[in-house]
Amino acid sequence: KFAMVAPDVQIDDGKGTILISSEEGETEANNHRKLSDFGIRNGTRLQADDFLQDYTLLINVLHSEDLEKDVEFEVVGDAPEKVGPKPAEPTPRNITNGSDDGAQPSTSTGKRK
């Protein structure tokens, strides 16, 4: 629903409880647990980050008894369009003196006194 490629989802409570990790196997034990098992209920906020797309969502969980039959959840609000992967980082230049002004190291051969 949120067009995320590699999401990390945590409870936005300052404790950093991770529900979903983009690292394979890290949160696999959570797959069959219910949100209520983590203390998530009406009014809880979740933070979802997708580092690959430089994309973060804050999700407010709201309980409702008014969903249609066989509907488990509903996304309400402005869901973003598919964002896509981050653009590639620019290739670093080989700069020897820390500036990009074309200056070259000194080659003087003068004698010291």
Protein backbone atom coordinates (compact mmCIF):
# COMPACT_ATOMS: atom_id res chain seq x y z
CA LYS A 1 0.00 0.00 0.00
CA PHE A 2 2.89 2.39 0.69
CA ALA A 3 5.22 1.45 -2.22
CA MET A 4 8.12 0.70 0.11
CA VAL A 5 10.98 -1.47 -1.13
CA ALA A 6 12.93 -2.23 2.06
CA PRO A 7 10.97 -0.83 5.01
CA ASP A 8 12.01 -0.56 8.63
CA VAL A 9 9.01 0.00 10.89
CA GLN A 10 9.18 0.91 14.56
CA ILE A 11 6.78 2.10 17.21
CA ASP A 12 7.19 5.88 17.55
CA ASP A 13 7.37 5.80 21.34
CA GLY A 14 11.01 6.65 22.00
CA LYS A 15 11.87 3.03 22.88
CA GLY A 16 12.77 1.98 19.33
CA THR A 17 10.72 -1.22 19.23
CA ILE A 18 11.28 -2.55 15.71
CA LEU A 19 8.32 -4.36 14.12
CA ILE A 20 9.67 -4.84 10.60
CA SER A 21 13.32 -4.72 9.56
CA SER A 22 14.83 -4.53 6.11
CA GLU A 23 17.61 -6.81 7.43
CA GLU A 24 16.66 -10.36 6.46
CA GLY A 25 15.59 -12.52 9.40
CA GLU A 26 15.94 -9.77 12.03
CA THR A 27 12.21 -9.51 12.80
CA GLU A 28 10.97 -12.77 11.29
CA ALA A 29 9.58 -13.81 14.70
CA ASN A 30 7.14 -10.87 14.49
CA ASN A 31 5.45 -12.08 11.28
CA HIS A 32 2.67 -14.01 13.02
CA ARG A 33 2.15 -11.63 15.93
CA LYS A 34 -0.72 -9.17 16.18
CA LEU A 35 -0.24 -5.45 16.63
CA SER A 36 -1.85 -5.72 20.06
CA ASP A 37 0.98 -8.09 21.10
CA PHE A 38 3.28 -5.05 20.90
CA GLY A 39 0.90 -2.74 22.79
CA ILE A 40 -0.24 -1.06 19.58
CA ARG A 41 -3.78 0.22 19.82
CA ASN A 42 -5.91 3.18 18.82
CA GLY A 43 -3.73 6.29 18.67
CA THR A 44 -0.35 4.56 18.40
CA ARG A 45 2.09 6.07 15.91
CA LEU A 46 4.44 4.02 13.77
CA GLN A 47 7.43 5.31 11.85
CA ALA A 48 8.23 3.57 8.56
CA ASP A 49 11.53 4.32 6.82
CA ASP A 50 12.69 3.11 3.43
CA PHE A 51 16.38 4.01 3.23
CA LEU A 52 16.65 2.80 -0.36
CA GLN A 53 14.14 5.43 -1.45
CA ASP A 54 14.93 8.14 1.14
CA TYR A 55 11.31 7.90 2.19
CA THR A 56 9.73 8.12 5.68
CA LEU A 57 6.10 7.82 6.76
CA LEU A 58 4.45 8.47 10.09
CA ILE A 59 1.45 6.18 10.46
CA ASN A 60 -1.34 6.86 12.94
CA VAL A 61 -3.17 3.67 13.93
CA LEU A 62 -6.90 4.24 14.42
CA HIS A 63 -9.28 1.49 15.50
CA SER A 64 -12.58 1.23 13.64
CA GLU A 65 -15.51 -1.14 13.85
CA ASP A 66 -16.99 0.27 10.62
CA LEU A 67 -14.91 -1.60 8.02
CA GLU A 68 -16.62 -3.61 5.31
CA LYS A 69 -16.82 -7.38 5.65
CA ASP A 70 -13.46 -9.16 5.15
CA VAL A 71 -11.56 -5.83 5.19
CA GLU A 72 -8.82 -5.93 7.81
CA PHE A 73 -7.48 -2.41 7.41
CA GLU A 74 -7.91 0.76 5.39
CA VAL A 75 -5.33 3.35 4.41
CA VAL A 76 -6.74 6.86 4.72
CA GLY A 77 -4.82 9.94 3.70
CA ASP A 78 -2.39 10.90 1.03
CA ALA A 79 -0.49 7.77 0.09
CA PRO A 80 2.53 8.74 -1.98
CA GLU A 81 3.07 7.64 -5.53
CA LYS A 82 5.82 5.10 -6.03
CA VAL A 83 8.99 6.96 -5.17
CA GLY A 84 11.68 4.78 -6.78
CA PRO A 85 15.28 4.17 -5.72
CA LYS A 86 17.65 6.95 -4.73
CA PRO A 87 19.74 8.35 -7.57
CA ALA A 88 23.30 7.05 -7.67
CA GLU A 89 25.86 8.99 -5.66
CA PRO A 90 28.19 11.09 -7.83
CA THR A 91 31.57 9.48 -8.51
CA PRO A 92 34.18 11.04 -6.23
CA ARG A 93 36.94 12.97 -7.98
CA ASN A 94 40.59 12.25 -7.34
CA ILE A 95 41.59 15.46 -5.58
CA THR A 96 45.03 15.43 -3.95
CA ASN A 97 45.10 18.69 -2.02
CA GLY A 98 41.51 18.89 -0.77
CA SER A 99 40.25 21.48 -3.24
CA ASP A 100 38.85 21.34 -6.72
CA ASP A 101 40.58 24.47 -8.05
CA GLY A 102 43.13 22.60 -10.16
CA ALA A 103 46.08 23.60 -7.97
CA GLN A 104 48.95 21.14 -7.95
CA PRO A 105 51.37 20.31 -5.12
CA SER A 106 54.50 22.45 -4.96
CA THR A 107 57.47 21.16 -6.93
CA SER A 108 60.03 23.80 -5.93
CA THR A 109 63.54 22.57 -5.31
CA GLY A 110 64.89 25.63 -3.52
CA LYS A 111 67.44 25.03 -0.75
CA ARG A 112 66.53 25.67 2.89
CA LYS A 113 68.71 27.98 4.95
